[in-house]
């Protein structure tokens, strides 16, 4: 038993190959994900996962509807700020009205008629 442990600790080539393979794999995926072939492969994989969810009901493959909020926090923050501004503007604004719907319209209309008479129209 001691001999096995000693041999395992002295033979470290497997550690280096595992680390090198992981680094190369990560570098390849970082490059591949933005290529046309990578986008196609990711789309096919996504379609396959959607099929599994629909066919077999494997809901753990479903993405939450707000997953983009976690992926793009800066965009999320900006959208939230803009939505707050819109709510504030909507609260302070009034609904559109025709001129005759305003309370001061009769008075304003009389003033316009007097000015038109005065100018000879």
PDB file of N, CA and C in Angstrom:
ATOM      1  N   UNK A   1       0.824  -1.188   0.000  1.00  0.00           N
ATOM      2  CA  UNK A   1       0.000   0.000   0.000  1.00  0.00           C
ATOM      3  C   UNK A   1       0.868   1.252   0.000  1.00  0.00           C
ATOM      4  N   UNK A   2       1.883   1.263   0.819  1.00  0.00           N
ATOM      5  CA  UNK A   2       2.781   2.401   0.899  1.00  0.00           C
ATOM      6  C   UNK A   2       3.508   2.608  -0.421  1.00  0.00           C
ATOM      7  N   UNK A   3       3.814   1.522  -1.084  1.00  0.00           N
ATOM      8  CA  UNK A   3       4.499   1.585  -2.365  1.00  0.00           C
ATOM      9  C   UNK A   3       3.619   2.262  -3.413  1.00  0.00           C
ATOM     10  N   UNK A   4       2.329   2.001  -3.400  1.00  0.00           N
ATOM     11  CA  UNK A   4       1.385   2.599  -4.339  1.00  0.00           C
ATOM     12  C   UNK A   4       1.287   4.106  -4.119  1.00  0.00           C
ATOM     13  N   UNK A   5       1.196   4.519  -2.879  1.00  0.00           N
ATOM     14  CA  UNK A   5       1.121   5.948  -2.566  1.00  0.00           C
ATOM     15  C   UNK A   5       2.415   6.649  -2.962  1.00  0.00           C
ATOM     16  N   UNK A   6       3.535   6.026  -2.688  1.00  0.00           N
ATOM     17  CA  UNK A   6       4.830   6.599  -3.048  1.00  0.00           C
ATOM     18  C   UNK A   6       4.948   6.743  -4.557  1.00  0.00           C
ATOM     19  N   UNK A   7       4.502   5.747  -5.292  1.00  0.00           N
ATOM     20  CA  UNK A   7       4.564   5.778  -6.754  1.00  0.00           C
ATOM     21  C   UNK A   7       3.640   6.864  -7.315  1.00  0.00           C
ATOM     22  N   UNK A   8       2.452   7.011  -6.711  1.00  0.00           N
ATOM     23  CA  UNK A   8       1.507   8.009  -7.168  1.00  0.00           C
ATOM     24  C   UNK A   8       2.044   9.425  -6.942  1.00  0.00           C
ATOM     25  N   UNK A   9       2.703   9.649  -5.839  1.00  0.00           N
ATOM     26  CA  UNK A   9       3.242  10.969  -5.550  1.00  0.00           C
ATOM     27  C   UNK A   9       4.471  11.291  -6.380  1.00  0.00           C
ATOM     28  N   UNK A  10       5.246  10.303  -6.750  1.00  0.00           N
ATOM     29  CA  UNK A  10       6.458  10.557  -7.540  1.00  0.00           C
ATOM     30  C   UNK A  10       6.154  10.672  -9.031  1.00  0.00           C
ATOM     31  N   UNK A  11       5.072  10.056  -9.494  1.00  0.00           N
ATOM     32  CA  UNK A  11       4.705  10.106 -10.912  1.00  0.00           C
ATOM     33  C   UNK A  11       3.706  11.259 -11.105  1.00  0.00           C
ATOM     34  N   UNK A  12       4.208  12.447 -11.427  1.00  0.00           N
ATOM     35  CA  UNK A  12       3.346  13.626 -11.517  1.00  0.00           C
ATOM     36  C   UNK A  12       3.069  14.060 -12.955  1.00  0.00           C
ATOM     37  N   UNK A  13       3.448  13.263 -13.926  1.00  0.00           N
ATOM     38  CA  UNK A  13       3.214  13.614 -15.318  1.00  0.00           C
ATOM     39  C   UNK A  13       1.724  13.802 -15.603  1.00  0.00           C
ATOM     40  N   UNK A  14       0.877  13.016 -14.996  1.00  0.00           N
ATOM     41  CA  UNK A  14      -0.570  13.114 -15.235  1.00  0.00           C
ATOM     42  C   UNK A  14      -1.109  14.467 -14.774  1.00  0.00           C
ATOM     43  N   UNK A  15      -0.515  15.049 -13.751  1.00  0.00           N
ATOM     44  CA  UNK A  15      -0.967  16.369 -13.283  1.00  0.00           C
ATOM     45  C   UNK A  15      -0.669  17.421 -14.344  1.00  0.00           C
ATOM     46  N   UNK A  16       0.539  17.382 -14.885  1.00  0.00           N
ATOM     47  CA  UNK A  16       0.939  18.379 -15.884  1.00  0.00           C
ATOM     48  C   UNK A  16       0.151  18.229 -17.174  1.00  0.00           C
ATOM     49  N   UNK A  17      -0.101  17.014 -17.597  1.00  0.00           N
ATOM     50  CA  UNK A  17      -0.876  16.818 -18.828  1.00  0.00           C
ATOM     51  C   UNK A  17      -2.327  17.256 -18.632  1.00  0.00           C
ATOM     52  N   UNK A  18      -2.870  17.021 -17.445  1.00  0.00           N
ATOM     53  CA  UNK A  18      -4.242  17.456 -17.177  1.00  0.00           C
ATOM     54  C   UNK A  18      -4.339  18.978 -17.189  1.00  0.00           C
ATOM     55  N   UNK A  19      -3.379  19.654 -16.575  1.00  0.00           N
ATOM     56  CA  UNK A  19      -3.387  21.120 -16.557  1.00  0.00           C
ATOM     57  C   UNK A  19      -3.206  21.677 -17.961  1.00  0.00           C
ATOM     58  N   UNK A  20      -2.252  21.131 -18.712  1.00  0.00           N
ATOM     59  CA  UNK A  20      -2.006  21.599 -20.079  1.00  0.00           C
ATOM     60  C   UNK A  20      -3.227  21.354 -20.965  1.00  0.00           C
ATOM     61  N   UNK A  21      -3.848  20.191 -20.835  1.00  0.00           N
ATOM     62  CA  UNK A  21      -5.043  19.896 -21.631  1.00  0.00           C
ATOM     63  C   UNK A  21      -6.192  20.826 -21.287  1.00  0.00           C
ATOM     64  N   UNK A  22      -6.359  21.140 -20.030  1.00  0.00           N
ATOM     65  CA  UNK A  22      -7.429  22.058 -19.617  1.00  0.00           C
ATOM     66  C   UNK A  22      -7.202  23.455 -20.169  1.00  0.00           C
ATOM     67  N   UNK A  23      -5.970  23.919 -20.103  1.00  0.00           N
ATOM     68  CA  UNK A  23      -5.665  25.256 -20.621  1.00  0.00           C
ATOM     69  C   UNK A  23      -5.859  25.327 -22.127  1.00  0.00           C
ATOM     70  N   UNK A  24      -5.404  24.318 -22.847  1.00  0.00           N
ATOM     71  CA  UNK A  24      -5.594  24.300 -24.299  1.00  0.00           C
ATOM     72  C   UNK A  24      -7.077  24.215 -24.667  1.00  0.00           C
ATOM     73  N   UNK A  25      -7.816  23.405 -23.942  1.00  0.00           N
ATOM     74  CA  UNK A  25      -9.249  23.296 -24.201  1.00  0.00           C
ATOM     75  C   UNK A  25      -9.975  24.608 -23.951  1.00  0.00           C
ATOM     76  N   UNK A  26      -9.629  25.285 -22.871  1.00  0.00           N
ATOM     77  CA  UNK A  26     -10.256  26.573 -22.564  1.00  0.00           C
ATOM     78  C   UNK A  26      -9.897  27.620 -23.618  1.00  0.00           C
ATOM     79  N   UNK A  27      -8.652  27.630 -24.066  1.00  0.00           N
ATOM     80  CA  UNK A  27      -8.232  28.582 -25.100  1.00  0.00           C
ATOM     81  C   UNK A  27      -8.961  28.307 -26.411  1.00  0.00           C
ATOM     82  N   UNK A  28      -9.104  27.044 -26.766  1.00  0.00           N
ATOM     83  CA  UNK A  28      -9.812  26.700 -27.996  1.00  0.00           C
ATOM     84  C   UNK A  28     -11.272  27.129 -27.920  1.00  0.00           C
ATOM     85  N   UNK A  29     -11.930  26.862 -26.800  1.00  0.00           N
ATOM     86  CA  UNK A  29     -13.333  27.251 -26.670  1.00  0.00           C
ATOM     87  C   UNK A  29     -13.512  28.764 -26.692  1.00  0.00           C
ATOM     88  N   UNK A  30     -12.590  29.504 -26.092  1.00  0.00           N
ATOM     89  CA  UNK A  30     -12.668  30.965 -26.121  1.00  0.00           C
ATOM     90  C   UNK A  30     -12.576  31.483 -27.556  1.00  0.00           C
ATOM     91  N   UNK A  31     -11.744  30.855 -28.373  1.00  0.00           N
ATOM     92  CA  UNK A  31     -11.636  31.234 -29.776  1.00  0.00           C
ATOM     93  C   UNK A  31     -12.843  30.746 -30.578  1.00  0.00           C
ATOM     94  N   UNK A  32     -13.245  29.513 -30.368  1.00  0.00           N
ATOM     95  CA  UNK A  32     -14.243  28.842 -31.188  1.00  0.00           C
ATOM     96  C   UNK A  32     -15.645  29.432 -31.016  1.00  0.00           C
ATOM     97  N   UNK A  33     -15.967  29.940 -29.845  1.00  0.00           N
ATOM     98  CA  UNK A  33     -17.338  30.378 -29.573  1.00  0.00           C
ATOM     99  C   UNK A  33     -17.785  31.545 -30.452  1.00  0.00           C
ATOM    100  N   UNK A  34     -16.856  32.343 -30.982  1.00  0.00           N
ATOM    101  CA  UNK A  34     -17.219  33.488 -31.806  1.00  0.00           C
ATOM    102  C   UNK A  34     -17.095  33.234 -33.298  1.00  0.00           C
ATOM    103  N   UNK A  35     -16.719  32.030 -33.694  1.00  0.00           N
ATOM    104  CA  UNK A  35     -16.619  31.716 -35.119  1.00  0.00           C
ATOM    105  C   UNK A  35     -17.991  31.299 -35.638  1.00  0.00           C
ATOM    106  N   UNK A  36     -18.144  31.271 -36.949  1.00  0.00           N
ATOM    107  CA  UNK A  36     -19.421  30.848 -37.539  1.00  0.00           C
ATOM    108  C   UNK A  36     -19.739  29.402 -37.168  1.00  0.00           C
ATOM    109  N   UNK A  37     -18.718  28.558 -37.208  1.00  0.00           N
ATOM    110  CA  UNK A  37     -18.926  27.146 -36.851  1.00  0.00           C
ATOM    111  C   UNK A  37     -19.299  27.019 -35.376  1.00  0.00           C
ATOM    112  N   UNK A  38     -18.659  27.818 -34.537  1.00  0.00           N
ATOM    113  CA  UNK A  38     -18.974  27.773 -33.108  1.00  0.00           C
ATOM    114  C   UNK A  38     -20.392  28.228 -32.831  1.00  0.00           C
ATOM    115  N   UNK A  39     -20.815  29.305 -33.480  1.00  0.00           N
ATOM    116  CA  UNK A  39     -22.185  29.788 -33.297  1.00  0.00           C
ATOM    117  C   UNK A  39     -23.195  28.741 -33.780  1.00  0.00           C
ATOM    118  N   UNK A  40     -22.886  28.082 -34.892  1.00  0.00           N
ATOM    119  CA  UNK A  40     -23.767  27.045 -35.404  1.00  0.00           C
ATOM    120  C   UNK A  40     -23.856  25.882 -34.413  1.00  0.00           C
ATOM    121  N   UNK A  41     -22.700  25.457 -33.894  1.00  0.00           N
ATOM    122  CA  UNK A  41     -22.686  24.339 -32.942  1.00  0.00           C
ATOM    123  C   UNK A  41     -23.447  24.679 -31.660  1.00  0.00           C
ATOM    124  N   UNK A  42     -23.235  25.896 -31.159  1.00  0.00           N
ATOM    125  CA  UNK A  42     -23.947  26.300 -29.956  1.00  0.00           C
ATOM    126  C   UNK A  42     -25.453  26.380 -30.201  1.00  0.00           C
ATOM    127  N   UNK A  43     -25.851  26.839 -31.389  1.00  0.00           N
ATOM    128  CA  UNK A  43     -27.277  26.904 -31.725  1.00  0.00           C
ATOM    129  C   UNK A  43     -27.878  25.500 -31.781  1.00  0.00           C
ATOM    130  N   UNK A  44     -27.154  24.561 -32.403  1.00  0.00           N
ATOM    131  CA  UNK A  44     -27.647  23.177 -32.474  1.00  0.00           C
ATOM    132  C   UNK A  44     -27.738  22.552 -31.085  1.00  0.00           C
ATOM    133  N   UNK A  45     -26.756  22.819 -30.251  1.00  0.00           N
ATOM    134  CA  UNK A  45     -26.776  22.287 -28.886  1.00  0.00           C
ATOM    135  C   UNK A  45     -27.950  22.870 -28.098  1.00  0.00           C
ATOM    136  N   UNK A  46     -28.206  24.162 -28.300  1.00  0.00           N
ATOM    137  CA  UNK A  46     -29.337  24.810 -27.634  1.00  0.00           C
ATOM    138  C   UNK A  46     -30.664  24.215 -28.111  1.00  0.00           C
ATOM    139  N   UNK A  47     -30.766  23.949 -29.418  1.00  0.00           N
ATOM    140  CA  UNK A  47     -31.977  23.323 -29.946  1.00  0.00           C
ATOM    141  C   UNK A  47     -32.160  21.914 -29.366  1.00  0.00           C
ATOM    142  N   UNK A  48     -31.067  21.189 -29.210  1.00  0.00           N
ATOM    143  CA  UNK A  48     -31.135  19.845 -28.635  1.00  0.00           C
ATOM    144  C   UNK A  48     -31.622  19.902 -27.188  1.00  0.00           C
ATOM    145  N   UNK A  49     -31.122  20.847 -26.432  1.00  0.00           N
ATOM    146  CA  UNK A  49     -31.581  20.995 -25.041  1.00  0.00           C
ATOM    147  C   UNK A  49     -33.055  21.382 -24.982  1.00  0.00           C
ATOM    148  N   UNK A  50     -33.487  22.266 -25.901  1.00  0.00           N
ATOM    149  CA  UNK A  50     -34.907  22.619 -25.964  1.00  0.00           C
ATOM    150  C   UNK A  50     -35.756  21.395 -26.282  1.00  0.00           C
ATOM    151  N   UNK A  51     -35.259  20.535 -27.176  1.00  0.00           N
ATOM    152  CA  UNK A  51     -35.969  19.302 -27.505  1.00  0.00           C
ATOM    153  C   UNK A  51     -36.113  18.413 -26.262  1.00  0.00           C
ATOM    154  N   UNK A  52     -35.034  18.271 -25.498  1.00  0.00           N
ATOM    155  CA  UNK A  52     -35.097  17.455 -24.284  1.00  0.00           C
ATOM    156  C   UNK A  52     -36.110  18.003 -23.281  1.00  0.00           C
ATOM    157  N   UNK A  53     -36.172  19.328 -23.187  1.00  0.00           N
ATOM    158  CA  UNK A  53     -37.139  19.948 -22.269  1.00  0.00           C
ATOM    159  C   UNK A  53     -38.559  19.676 -22.742  1.00  0.00           C
ATOM    160  N   UNK A  54     -38.799  19.835 -24.055  1.00  0.00           N
ATOM    161  CA  UNK A  54     -40.148  19.635 -24.587  1.00  0.00           C
ATOM    162  C   UNK A  54     -40.549  18.161 -24.579  1.00  0.00           C
ATOM    163  N   UNK A  55     -39.660  17.296 -25.023  1.00  0.00           N
ATOM    164  CA  UNK A  55     -40.003  15.881 -25.192  1.00  0.00           C
ATOM    165  C   UNK A  55     -40.061  15.132 -23.873  1.00  0.00           C
ATOM    166  N   UNK A  56     -39.084  15.339 -23.020  1.00  0.00           N
ATOM    167  CA  UNK A  56     -38.979  14.549 -21.809  1.00  0.00           C
ATOM    168  C   UNK A  56     -39.285  15.340 -20.535  1.00  0.00           C
ATOM    169  N   UNK A  57     -39.511  16.651 -20.680  1.00  0.00           N
ATOM    170  CA  UNK A  57     -39.846  17.457 -19.517  1.00  0.00           C
ATOM    171  C   UNK A  57     -38.677  17.708 -18.577  1.00  0.00           C
ATOM    172  N   UNK A  58     -37.481  17.678 -19.099  1.00  0.00           N
ATOM    173  CA  UNK A  58     -36.293  17.911 -18.270  1.00  0.00           C
ATOM    174  C   UNK A  58     -36.117  19.410 -18.053  1.00  0.00           C
ATOM    175  N   UNK A  59     -36.817  19.930 -17.090  1.00  0.00           N
ATOM    176  CA  UNK A  59     -36.870  21.373 -16.891  1.00  0.00           C
ATOM    177  C   UNK A  59     -35.568  21.954 -16.359  1.00  0.00           C
ATOM    178  N   UNK A  60     -34.663  21.131 -15.868  1.00  0.00           N
ATOM    179  CA  UNK A  60     -33.408  21.689 -15.354  1.00  0.00           C
ATOM    180  C   UNK A  60     -32.529  22.232 -16.477  1.00  0.00           C
ATOM    181  N   UNK A  61     -32.892  21.951 -17.746  1.00  0.00           N
ATOM    182  CA  UNK A  61     -32.165  22.534 -18.873  1.00  0.00           C
ATOM    183  C   UNK A  61     -32.738  23.879 -19.298  1.00  0.00           C
ATOM    184  N   UNK A  62     -33.877  24.273 -18.746  1.00  0.00           N
ATOM    185  CA  UNK A  62     -34.474  25.542 -19.120  1.00  0.00           C
ATOM    186  C   UNK A  62     -33.696  26.699 -18.510  1.00  0.00           C
ATOM    187  N   UNK A  63     -33.576  27.764 -19.289  1.00  0.00           N
ATOM    188  CA  UNK A  63     -32.939  28.970 -18.776  1.00  0.00           C
ATOM    189  C   UNK A  63     -34.008  29.866 -18.185  1.00  0.00           C
ATOM    190  N   UNK A  64     -33.719  30.531 -17.077  1.00  0.00           N
ATOM    191  CA  UNK A  64     -34.696  31.477 -16.545  1.00  0.00           C
ATOM    192  C   UNK A  64     -34.908  32.628 -17.531  1.00  0.00           C
ATOM    193  N   UNK A  65     -36.099  33.191 -17.516  1.00  0.00           N
ATOM    194  CA  UNK A  65     -36.411  34.255 -18.472  1.00  0.00           C
ATOM    195  C   UNK A  65     -35.577  35.502 -18.235  1.00  0.00           C
ATOM    196  N   UNK A  66     -35.065  35.681 -17.029  1.00  0.00           N
ATOM    197  CA  UNK A  66     -34.248  36.857 -16.746  1.00  0.00           C
ATOM    198  C   UNK A  66     -32.749  36.527 -16.717  1.00  0.00           C
ATOM    199  N   UNK A  67     -32.339  35.494 -17.432  1.00  0.00           N
ATOM    200  CA  UNK A  67     -30.923  35.100 -17.449  1.00  0.00           C
ATOM    201  C   UNK A  67     -30.060  36.198 -18.051  1.00  0.00           C
ATOM    202  N   UNK A  68     -30.614  36.954 -18.986  1.00  0.00           N
ATOM    203  CA  UNK A  68     -29.848  38.032 -19.613  1.00  0.00           C
ATOM    204  C   UNK A  68     -29.477  39.100 -18.587  1.00  0.00           C
ATOM    205  N   UNK A  69     -30.285  39.246 -17.527  1.00  0.00           N
ATOM    206  CA  UNK A  69     -29.982  40.246 -16.500  1.00  0.00           C
ATOM    207  C   UNK A  69     -28.682  39.906 -15.774  1.00  0.00           C
ATOM    208  N   UNK A  70     -28.429  38.628 -15.570  1.00  0.00           N
ATOM    209  CA  UNK A  70     -27.195  38.208 -14.904  1.00  0.00           C
ATOM    210  C   UNK A  70     -26.014  38.256 -15.868  1.00  0.00           C
ATOM    211  N   UNK A  71     -26.281  37.988 -17.133  1.00  0.00           N
ATOM    212  CA  UNK A  71     -25.201  37.958 -18.122  1.00  0.00           C
ATOM    213  C   UNK A  71     -24.730  39.367 -18.491  1.00  0.00           C
ATOM    214  N   UNK A  72     -25.662  40.322 -18.513  1.00  0.00           N
ATOM    215  CA  UNK A  72     -25.342  41.699 -18.902  1.00  0.00           C
ATOM    216  C   UNK A  72     -25.745  42.675 -17.793  1.00  0.00           C
ATOM    217  N   UNK A  73     -24.987  42.744 -16.703  1.00  0.00           N
ATOM    218  CA  UNK A  73     -25.397  43.588 -15.576  1.00  0.00           C
ATOM    219  C   UNK A  73     -25.413  45.083 -15.886  1.00  0.00           C
ATOM    220  N   UNK A  74     -24.512  45.558 -16.747  1.00  0.00           N
ATOM    221  CA  UNK A  74     -24.478  46.982 -17.060  1.00  0.00           C
ATOM    222  C   UNK A  74     -25.685  47.389 -17.900  1.00  0.00           C
ATOM    223  N   UNK A  75     -26.056  46.545 -18.862  1.00  0.00           N
ATOM    224  CA  UNK A  75     -27.241  46.818 -19.673  1.00  0.00           C
ATOM    225  C   UNK A  75     -28.484  46.770 -18.792  1.00  0.00           C
ATOM    226  N   UNK A  76     -28.527  45.804 -17.891  1.00  0.00           N
ATOM    227  CA  UNK A  76     -29.650  45.680 -16.964  1.00  0.00           C
ATOM    228  C   UNK A  76     -29.797  46.942 -16.126  1.00  0.00           C
ATOM    229  N   UNK A  77     -28.680  47.447 -15.618  1.00  0.00           N
ATOM    230  CA  UNK A  77     -28.717  48.653 -14.784  1.00  0.00           C
ATOM    231  C   UNK A  77     -29.242  49.841 -15.588  1.00  0.00           C
ATOM    232  N   UNK A  78     -28.771  49.993 -16.818  1.00  0.00           N
ATOM    233  CA  UNK A  78     -29.205  51.109 -17.659  1.00  0.00           C
ATOM    234  C   UNK A  78     -30.682  50.995 -18.007  1.00  0.00           C
ATOM    235  N   UNK A  79     -31.156  49.799 -18.321  1.00  0.00           N
ATOM    236  CA  UNK A  79     -32.575  49.606 -18.632  1.00  0.00           C
ATOM    237  C   UNK A  79     -33.427  49.936 -17.417  1.00  0.00           C
ATOM    238  N   UNK A  80     -33.005  49.500 -16.243  1.00  0.00           N
ATOM    239  CA  UNK A  80     -33.757  49.797 -15.017  1.00  0.00           C
ATOM    240  C   UNK A  80     -33.812  51.299 -14.765  1.00  0.00           C
ATOM    241  N   UNK A  81     -32.686  52.005 -14.991  1.00  0.00           N
ATOM    242  CA  UNK A  81     -32.680  53.459 -14.823  1.00  0.00           C
ATOM    243  C   UNK A  81     -33.647  54.128 -15.791  1.00  0.00           C
ATOM    244  N   UNK A  82     -33.624  53.695 -17.046  1.00  0.00           N
ATOM    245  CA  UNK A  82     -34.517  54.286 -18.047  1.00  0.00           C
ATOM    246  C   UNK A  82     -35.981  53.999 -17.733  1.00  0.00           C
ATOM    247  N   UNK A  83     -36.277  52.802 -17.251  1.00  0.00           N
ATOM    248  CA  UNK A  83     -37.653  52.485 -16.884  1.00  0.00           C
ATOM    249  C   UNK A  83     -38.140  53.355 -15.730  1.00  0.00           C
ATOM    250  N   UNK A  84     -37.258  53.631 -14.770  1.00  0.00           N
ATOM    251  CA  UNK A  84     -37.622  54.522 -13.660  1.00  0.00           C
ATOM    252  C   UNK A  84     -37.895  55.932 -14.164  1.00  0.00           C
ATOM    253  N   UNK A  85     -37.062  56.415 -15.100  1.00  0.00           N
ATOM    254  CA  UNK A  85     -37.283  57.746 -15.664  1.00  0.00           C
ATOM    255  C   UNK A  85     -38.613  57.810 -16.410  1.00  0.00           C
ATOM    256  N   UNK A  86     -38.924  56.759 -17.152  1.00  0.00           N
ATOM    257  CA  UNK A  86     -40.188  56.724 -17.897  1.00  0.00           C
ATOM    258  C   UNK A  86     -41.370  56.752 -16.936  1.00  0.00           C
ATOM    259  N   UNK A  87     -41.284  55.967 -15.851  1.00  0.00           N
ATOM    260  CA  UNK A  87     -42.377  55.975 -14.864  1.00  0.00           C
ATOM    261  C   UNK A  87     -42.560  57.359 -14.260  1.00  0.00           C
ATOM    262  N   UNK A  88     -41.458  58.032 -13.956  1.00  0.00           N
ATOM    263  CA  UNK A  88     -41.527  59.371 -13.388  1.00  0.00           C
ATOM    264  C   UNK A  88     -42.142  60.354 -14.384  1.00  0.00           C
ATOM    265  N   UNK A  89     -41.724  60.266 -15.646  1.00  0.00           N
ATOM    266  CA  UNK A  89     -42.276  61.149 -16.668  1.00  0.00           C
ATOM    267  C   UNK A  89     -43.762  60.881 -16.899  1.00  0.00           C
ATOM    268  N   UNK A  90     -44.153  59.625 -16.907  1.00  0.00           N
ATOM    269  CA  UNK A  90     -45.571  59.289 -17.088  1.00  0.00           C
ATOM    270  C   UNK A  90     -46.409  59.782 -15.926  1.00  0.00           C
ATOM    271  N   UNK A  91     -45.841  59.726 -14.727  1.00  0.00           N
ATOM    272  CA  UNK A  91     -46.572  60.186 -13.548  1.00  0.00           C
ATOM    273  C   UNK A  91     -46.799  61.693 -13.596  1.00  0.00           C
ATOM    274  N   UNK A  92     -45.794  62.432 -14.066  1.00  0.00           N
ATOM    275  CA  UNK A  92     -45.878  63.887 -14.091  1.00  0.00           C
ATOM    276  C   UNK A  92     -46.554  64.433 -15.347  1.00  0.00           C
ATOM    277  N   UNK A  93     -46.785  63.618 -16.330  1.00  0.00           N
ATOM    278  CA  UNK A  93     -47.393  64.104 -17.565  1.00  0.00           C
ATOM    279  C   UNK A  93     -48.912  63.963 -17.484  1.00  0.00           C
ATOM    280  N   UNK A  94     -49.578  64.621 -18.392  1.00  0.00           N
ATOM    281  CA  UNK A  94     -51.039  64.511 -18.445  1.00  0.00           C
ATOM    282  C   UNK A  94     -51.436  63.841 -19.747  1.00  0.00           C
ATOM    283  N   UNK A  95     -52.617  63.265 -19.791  1.00  0.00           N
ATOM    284  CA  UNK A  95     -53.046  62.637 -21.042  1.00  0.00           C
ATOM    285  C   UNK A  95     -53.302  63.710 -22.098  1.00  0.00           C
ATOM    286  N   UNK A  96     -53.126  63.345 -23.345  1.00  0.00           N
ATOM    287  CA  UNK A  96     -53.338  64.327 -24.409  1.00  0.00           C
ATOM    288  C   UNK A  96     -54.816  64.687 -24.495  1.00  0.00           C
ATOM    289  N   UNK A  97     -55.068  65.973 -24.777  1.00  0.00           N
ATOM    290  CA  UNK A  97     -56.438  66.477 -24.875  1.00  0.00           C
ATOM    291  C   UNK A  97     -56.554  67.371 -26.098  1.00  0.00           C
ATOM    292  N   UNK A  98     -57.771  67.501 -26.567  1.00  0.00           N
ATOM    293  CA  UNK A  98     -58.073  68.477 -27.607  1.00  0.00           C
ATOM    294  C   UNK A  98     -58.228  69.838 -26.935  1.00  0.00           C
ATOM    295  N   UNK A  99     -58.125  70.900 -27.708  1.00  0.00           N
ATOM    296  CA  UNK A  99     -58.221  72.239 -27.116  1.00  0.00           C
ATOM    297  C   UNK A  99     -59.550  72.473 -26.409  1.00  0.00           C
ATOM    298  N   UNK A 100     -60.634  71.995 -26.991  1.00  0.00           N
ATOM    299  CA  UNK A 100     -61.946  72.252 -26.403  1.00  0.00           C
ATOM    300  C   UNK A 100     -62.168  71.493 -25.083  1.00  0.00           C
ATOM    301  N   UNK A 101     -61.278  70.555 -24.757  1.00  0.00           N
ATOM    302  CA  UNK A 101     -61.412  69.805 -23.513  1.00  0.00           C
ATOM    303  C   UNK A 101     -60.788  70.523 -22.315  1.00  0.00           C
ATOM    304  N   UNK A 102     -60.001  71.565 -22.561  1.00  0.00           N
ATOM    305  CA  UNK A 102     -59.398  72.311 -21.459  1.00  0.00           C
ATOM    306  C   UNK A 102     -60.432  73.244 -20.841  1.00  0.00           C
ATOM    307  N   UNK A 103     -60.310  73.493 -19.534  1.00  0.00           N
ATOM    308  CA  UNK A 103     -61.268  74.355 -18.811  1.00  0.00           C
ATOM    309  C   UNK A 103     -61.227  75.803 -19.296  1.00  0.00           C
ATOM    310  N   UNK A 104     -60.082  76.251 -19.737  1.00  0.00           N
ATOM    311  CA  UNK A 104     -59.941  77.651 -20.143  1.00  0.00           C
ATOM    312  C   UNK A 104     -60.309  77.885 -21.606  1.00  0.00           C
ATOM    313  N   UNK A 105     -60.769  76.853 -22.305  1.00  0.00           N
ATOM    314  CA  UNK A 105     -61.034  76.990 -23.737  1.00  0.00           C
ATOM    315  C   UNK A 105     -62.101  78.048 -24.052  1.00  0.00           C
ATOM    316  N   UNK A 106     -63.216  78.075 -23.361  1.00  0.00           N
ATOM    317  CA  UNK A 106     -64.222  79.093 -23.724  1.00  0.00           C
ATOM    318  C   UNK A 106     -63.662  80.517 -23.623  1.00  0.00           C
ATOM    319  N   UNK A 107     -62.921  80.785 -22.572  1.00  0.00           N
ATOM    320  CA  UNK A 107     -62.337  82.118 -22.404  1.00  0.00           C
ATOM    321  C   UNK A 107     -61.327  82.415 -23.511  1.00  0.00           C
ATOM    322  N   UNK A 108     -60.492  81.436 -23.824  1.00  0.00           N
ATOM    323  CA  UNK A 108     -59.497  81.602 -24.870  1.00  0.00           C
ATOM    324  C   UNK A 108     -60.159  81.784 -26.228  1.00  0.00           C
ATOM    325  N   UNK A 109     -61.194  81.057 -26.495  1.00  0.00           N
ATOM    326  CA  UNK A 109     -61.920  81.150 -27.757  1.00  0.00           C
ATOM    327  C   UNK A 109     -62.532  82.543 -27.925  1.00  0.00           C
ATOM    328  N   UNK A 110     -63.072  83.100 -26.862  1.00  0.00           N
ATOM    329  CA  UNK A 110     -63.639  84.458 -26.919  1.00  0.00           C
ATOM    330  C   UNK A 110     -62.549  85.485 -27.217  1.00  0.00           C
ATOM    331  N   UNK A 111     -61.399  85.344 -26.607  1.00  0.00           N
ATOM    332  CA  UNK A 111     -60.294  86.272 -26.856  1.00  0.00           C
ATOM    333  C   UNK A 111     -59.849  86.209 -28.309  1.00  0.00           C
ATOM    334  N   UNK A 112     -59.799  84.987 -28.861  1.00  0.00           N
ATOM    335  CA  UNK A 112     -59.408  84.828 -30.264  1.00  0.00           C
ATOM    336  C   UNK A 112     -60.420  85.513 -31.176  1.00  0.00           C
ATOM    337  N   UNK A 113     -61.712  85.353 -30.907  1.00  0.00           N
ATOM    338  CA  UNK A 113     -62.757  85.980 -31.727  1.00  0.00           C
ATOM    339  C   UNK A 113     -62.673  87.496 -31.664  1.00  0.00           C
ATOM    340  N   UNK A 114     -62.412  88.043 -30.477  1.00  0.00           N
ATOM    341  CA  UNK A 114     -62.276  89.501 -30.333  1.00  0.00           C
ATOM    342  C   UNK A 114     -61.072  90.019 -31.126  1.00  0.00           C
ATOM    343  N   UNK A 115     -59.950  89.287 -31.076  1.00  0.00           N
ATOM    344  CA  UNK A 115     -58.775  89.696 -31.826  1.00  0.00           C
ATOM    345  C   UNK A 115     -59.030  89.637 -33.334  1.00  0.00           C
ATOM    346  N   UNK A 116     -59.753  88.632 -33.772  1.00  0.00           N
ATOM    347  CA  UNK A 116     -60.062  88.516 -35.199  1.00  0.00           C
ATOM    348  C   UNK A 116     -60.964  89.651 -35.651  1.00  0.00           C
ATOM    349  N   UNK A 117     -61.950  90.025 -34.833  1.00  0.00           N
ATOM    350  CA  UNK A 117     -62.846  91.142 -35.173  1.00  0.00           C
ATOM    351  C   UNK A 117     -62.060  92.446 -35.241  1.00  0.00           C
ATOM    352  N   UNK A 118     -61.132  92.600 -34.292  1.00  0.00           N
ATOM    353  CA  UNK A 118     -60.335  93.810 -34.195  1.00  0.00           C
ATOM    354  C   UNK A 118     -59.442  93.950 -35.441  1.00  0.00           C
ATOM    355  N   UNK A 119     -58.906  92.830 -35.944  1.00  0.00           N
ATOM    356  CA  UNK A 119     -58.024  92.877 -37.110  1.00  0.00           C
ATOM    357  C   UNK A 119     -58.801  92.785 -38.412  1.00  0.00           C
ATOM    358  N   UNK A 120     -60.105  92.689 -38.362  1.00  0.00           N
ATOM    359  CA  UNK A 120     -60.935  92.711 -39.560  1.00  0.00           C
ATOM    360  C   UNK A 120     -61.057  91.400 -40.290  1.00  0.00           C
ATOM    361  N   UNK A 121     -60.935  90.339 -39.604  1.00  0.00           N
ATOM    362  CA  UNK A 121     -61.069  89.043 -40.285  1.00  0.00           C
ATOM    363  C   UNK A 121     -62.442  88.490 -40.166  1.00  0.00           C
TER     364      UNK A 121
END
